[in-house]
Amino acid sequence: MTAFDQNAQAESAYAWLRLAASLALMTISGVGMYAVAVALPAVQAEFGIARSAASLPYAATMIGFGLGGIFGYKANRLLVTGQSFANTPTALDVFRPGRLVSPSDLQPFSVALQSFSATYVSSGPQLDEPQTFNAALRYSAAPNAPTRSYDLRVNHPLTVDSVSVYLIGHGYAPEFKVTDGHGNVVFSGPVPFIPVEQAINVYQVKVEPKDIFSFFDNCINEPPVS
């Protein structure tokens, strides 16, 4: 026997209230995709075109969104200066394929990050605001293809084999070197730090040195987890 709450029945007032609340949230959060239809008469009058011509770019955009979710894919990869990656699912940090995309459909290009630079406003009311971000890349469209250079900037993606590669963030990767009590290096290399939220929490923790060494020894000795 299964007991249930009478308020949770499919046709109850509570169920209808939840449906209305869900519909309202979906409408508010997705209004940006549909509110442009309200501006179509103004666009039509501004360019002196028919309503059908004014709505054509919007319709094409919506169709592109739909096709992208079926035949396209999105992926992220964090690179430290000097590192490279090949466009394979195992080399990507995040891989979100469309419904009709399989790992074998990925284009076989590779990208290497040579250097990264950033400039900031040096005077005026926008002092210290970000101004430019530049990533110097070396890439090849296929394993045996020639290597080329590209200056990747914000809103200036690298297009290779019909795939657009964007610069979507940056951070710091300080070099860490950890040794055990005998002077043996147990870890050495860059560790990426990316700001994920504005709030910073500071904690004071007392850790014995032997605990740190034991931790790294366990990390090194344990087999990788797939």
Protein backbone atom coordinates (compact mmCIF):
# COMPACT_ATOMS: atom_id res chain seq x y z
CA MET A 1 0.00 0.00 0.00
CA THR A 2 1.29 3.44 -0.96
CA ALA A 3 0.28 6.55 0.92
CA PHE A 4 0.26 9.92 -0.80
CA ASP A 5 -0.68 13.50 -0.09
CA GLN A 6 -4.10 14.53 -1.36
CA ASN A 7 -2.67 17.97 -2.23
CA ALA A 8 -0.27 16.36 -4.73
CA GLN A 9 -2.92 14.76 -6.96
CA ALA A 10 -2.71 15.46 -10.68
CA GLU A 11 -5.94 17.49 -10.81
CA SER A 12 -5.67 19.19 -7.43
CA ALA A 13 -5.51 22.95 -6.95
CA TYR A 14 -1.92 22.57 -5.76
CA ALA A 15 -0.95 20.85 -9.02
CA TRP A 16 -2.52 23.62 -11.07
CA LEU A 17 -0.70 26.20 -8.94
CA ARG A 18 2.63 24.49 -9.58
CA LEU A 19 1.87 24.40 -13.32
CA ALA A 20 1.05 28.12 -13.36
CA ALA A 21 4.21 28.97 -11.40
CA SER A 22 6.37 26.89 -13.75
CA LEU A 23 4.82 28.54 -16.80
CA ALA A 24 5.40 32.00 -15.32
CA LEU A 25 9.05 31.25 -14.57
CA MET A 26 9.62 29.86 -18.07
CA THR A 27 7.98 32.90 -19.63
CA ILE A 28 10.01 35.39 -17.59
CA SER A 29 13.36 33.64 -17.99
CA GLY A 30 12.92 33.05 -21.74
CA VAL A 31 11.27 36.33 -22.66
CA GLY A 32 14.46 37.59 -24.30
CA MET A 33 14.07 35.06 -27.10
CA TYR A 34 10.52 36.10 -27.89
CA ALA A 35 10.27 39.78 -26.90
CA VAL A 36 12.05 40.76 -30.13
CA ALA A 37 8.78 40.10 -31.94
CA VAL A 38 7.38 43.20 -30.23
CA ALA A 39 10.05 45.34 -31.93
CA LEU A 40 9.36 44.02 -35.43
CA PRO A 41 6.90 46.84 -36.37
CA ALA A 42 9.54 49.43 -35.48
CA VAL A 43 12.16 47.57 -37.52
CA GLN A 44 9.73 47.33 -40.42
CA ALA A 45 9.06 51.07 -40.34
CA GLU A 46 12.75 51.98 -39.91
CA PHE A 47 13.90 50.08 -43.00
CA GLY A 48 10.71 50.43 -45.03
CA ILE A 49 10.31 46.70 -45.59
CA ALA A 50 7.48 44.22 -45.35
CA ARG A 51 6.68 42.49 -42.06
CA SER A 52 7.79 39.16 -43.48
CA ALA A 53 11.21 40.56 -44.40
CA ALA A 54 11.62 42.09 -40.95
CA SER A 55 10.84 38.80 -39.22
CA LEU A 56 13.08 36.69 -41.50
CA PRO A 57 16.35 37.25 -39.52
CA TYR A 58 14.59 36.39 -36.27
CA ALA A 59 13.08 33.24 -37.76
CA ALA A 60 16.48 32.21 -39.15
CA THR A 61 18.06 32.71 -35.72
CA MET A 62 15.48 30.49 -34.03
CA ILE A 63 15.97 27.81 -36.69
CA GLY A 64 19.74 28.04 -36.17
CA PHE A 65 19.31 27.52 -32.44
CA GLY A 66 17.25 24.42 -33.09
CA LEU A 67 19.65 22.93 -35.64
CA GLY A 68 22.63 23.70 -33.42
CA GLY A 69 21.16 21.60 -30.65
CA ILE A 70 20.85 18.66 -33.04
CA PHE A 71 23.85 18.76 -35.36
CA GLY A 72 26.28 20.91 -33.36
CA TYR A 73 28.16 20.65 -30.08
CA LYS A 74 29.70 22.80 -27.37
CA ALA A 75 32.95 22.12 -25.57
CA ASN A 76 35.32 23.83 -23.14
CA ARG A 77 39.02 23.33 -22.53
CA LEU A 78 41.23 25.16 -20.02
CA LEU A 79 44.78 25.71 -21.25
CA VAL A 80 47.84 26.93 -19.37
CA THR A 81 50.50 28.75 -21.40
CA GLY A 82 52.63 26.13 -23.12
CA GLN A 83 49.94 23.46 -23.14
CA SER A 84 48.02 22.07 -26.11
CA PHE A 85 45.07 19.79 -26.81
CA ALA A 86 43.50 17.82 -29.63
CA ASN A 87 39.79 18.06 -30.34
CA THR A 88 38.77 14.72 -28.84
CA PRO A 89 36.20 14.06 -26.08
CA THR A 90 38.86 12.76 -23.68
CA ALA A 91 40.96 15.93 -24.11
CA LEU A 92 38.04 18.30 -23.46
CA ASP A 93 37.01 19.48 -20.00
CA VAL A 94 33.34 19.81 -21.02
CA PHE A 95 31.70 18.18 -24.04
CA ARG A 96 28.00 18.67 -24.81
CA PRO A 97 27.12 17.03 -28.13
CA GLY A 98 23.90 17.53 -30.06
CA ARG A 99 21.43 14.70 -30.40
CA LEU A 100 22.91 13.52 -33.70
CA VAL A 101 26.59 14.15 -32.87
CA SER A 102 28.94 11.33 -31.90
CA PRO A 103 32.60 11.55 -30.75
CA SER A 104 33.73 10.39 -34.19
CA ASP A 105 32.16 13.52 -35.74
CA LEU A 106 34.61 15.88 -34.01
CA GLN A 107 37.02 17.66 -36.33
CA PRO A 108 40.63 16.48 -35.80
CA PHE A 109 42.27 19.86 -35.19
CA SER A 110 44.73 20.69 -32.41
CA VAL A 111 45.49 23.95 -30.61
CA ALA A 112 48.50 25.08 -28.56
CA LEU A 113 48.58 28.19 -26.35
CA GLN A 114 51.89 29.99 -26.89
CA SER A 115 51.28 33.07 -24.72
CA PHE A 116 48.56 35.20 -23.17
CA SER A 117 48.51 38.94 -22.51
CA ALA A 118 46.02 41.41 -21.08
CA THR A 119 45.88 45.21 -21.02
CA TYR A 120 43.94 47.49 -18.71
CA VAL A 121 42.83 51.11 -18.83
CA SER A 122 45.62 53.22 -17.30
CA SER A 123 43.75 56.48 -16.64
CA GLY A 124 40.36 58.12 -16.52
CA PRO A 125 37.08 57.06 -14.90
CA GLN A 126 37.54 53.47 -16.12
CA LEU A 127 40.96 53.06 -14.53
CA ASP A 128 42.08 49.39 -14.24
CA GLU A 129 39.13 48.13 -16.25
CA PRO A 130 39.97 45.29 -18.70
CA GLN A 131 40.79 46.57 -22.18
CA THR A 132 42.13 43.69 -24.29
CA PHE A 133 42.81 39.97 -23.93
CA ASN A 134 45.05 38.26 -26.46
CA ALA A 135 45.94 34.58 -26.72
CA ALA A 136 48.68 33.65 -29.20
CA LEU A 137 47.81 30.25 -30.65
CA ARG A 138 49.43 27.66 -32.90
CA TYR A 139 46.96 25.29 -34.52
CA SER A 140 46.65 22.68 -37.22
CA ALA A 141 43.47 21.49 -38.91
CA ALA A 142 44.57 17.83 -38.97
CA PRO A 143 47.39 15.68 -37.53
CA ASN A 144 49.60 16.06 -40.62
CA ALA A 145 48.40 19.52 -41.68
CA PRO A 146 50.71 22.56 -41.53
CA THR A 147 50.81 24.55 -38.29
CA ARG A 148 49.57 28.13 -38.37
CA SER A 149 49.47 31.07 -35.97
CA TYR A 150 46.43 32.99 -34.80
CA ASP A 151 45.84 35.86 -32.36
CA LEU A 152 42.70 34.85 -30.46
CA ARG A 153 40.79 37.80 -29.01
CA VAL A 154 37.41 38.39 -27.41
CA ASN A 155 34.67 38.19 -30.07
CA HIS A 156 37.29 37.26 -32.70
CA PRO A 157 37.10 33.45 -32.74
CA LEU A 158 39.41 31.09 -34.52
CA THR A 159 37.49 29.23 -37.23
CA VAL A 160 39.03 25.90 -38.21
CA ASP A 161 37.24 23.17 -40.14
CA SER A 162 33.83 24.89 -39.59
CA VAL A 163 34.38 25.01 -35.80
CA SER A 164 34.60 28.34 -33.95
CA VAL A 165 37.02 28.53 -31.01
CA TYR A 166 36.31 31.42 -28.60
CA LEU A 167 38.27 32.99 -25.78
CA ILE A 168 35.72 32.89 -22.95
CA GLY A 169 37.78 33.46 -19.79
CA HIS A 170 41.18 33.79 -18.20
CA GLY A 171 42.87 33.31 -14.87
CA TYR A 172 46.18 32.59 -13.18
CA ALA A 173 48.23 29.40 -12.97
CA PRO A 174 50.96 29.81 -10.33
CA GLU A 175 53.76 27.25 -10.26
CA PHE A 176 53.76 24.95 -7.23
CA LYS A 177 56.54 22.70 -6.06
CA VAL A 178 56.01 20.34 -3.13
CA THR A 179 58.74 18.21 -1.57
CA ASP A 180 58.57 15.58 1.13
CA GLY A 181 60.67 15.34 4.27
CA HIS A 182 63.57 13.82 2.31
CA GLY A 183 63.64 16.59 -0.28
CA ASN A 184 62.00 14.50 -3.01
CA VAL A 185 59.67 16.42 -5.30
CA VAL A 186 56.19 14.94 -5.07
CA PHE A 187 54.42 17.58 -7.13
CA SER A 188 55.62 20.28 -9.50
CA GLY A 189 53.64 22.22 -12.05
CA PRO A 190 51.12 24.99 -12.70
CA VAL A 191 47.75 24.96 -10.94
CA PRO A 192 45.01 27.00 -12.66
CA PHE A 193 43.05 29.46 -10.53
CA ILE A 194 39.87 30.84 -12.07
CA PRO A 195 37.57 33.30 -10.23
CA VAL A 196 34.14 31.72 -9.97
CA GLU A 197 32.47 34.08 -7.51
CA GLN A 198 33.09 37.50 -6.00
CA ALA A 199 32.88 36.46 -2.35
CA ILE A 200 36.12 35.25 -0.78
CA ASN A 201 36.04 33.04 2.29
CA VAL A 202 39.16 32.83 4.41
CA TYR A 203 39.68 29.84 6.66
CA GLN A 204 42.42 29.12 9.15
CA VAL A 205 43.38 25.45 9.15
CA LYS A 206 46.25 23.81 11.02
CA VAL A 207 47.77 20.96 9.06
CA GLU A 208 50.75 18.91 10.14
CA PRO A 209 53.49 18.58 7.48
CA LYS A 210 53.30 14.79 7.59
CA ASP A 211 49.62 15.00 6.59
CA ILE A 212 50.52 17.00 3.49
CA PHE A 213 53.25 14.56 2.47
CA SER A 214 50.96 11.59 3.07
CA PHE A 215 48.26 13.19 0.96
CA PHE A 216 50.53 13.71 -2.03
CA ASP A 217 52.06 10.25 -1.65
CA ASN A 218 48.58 8.74 -1.79
CA CYS A 219 47.69 10.80 -4.86
CA ILE A 220 50.78 9.64 -6.69
CA ASN A 221 50.60 5.99 -5.72
CA GLU A 222 46.91 5.49 -6.40
CA PRO A 223 45.94 4.50 -9.98
CA PRO A 224 44.04 7.08 -12.06
CA VAL A 225 40.27 7.06 -11.76
CA SER A 226 38.42 6.89 -15.05
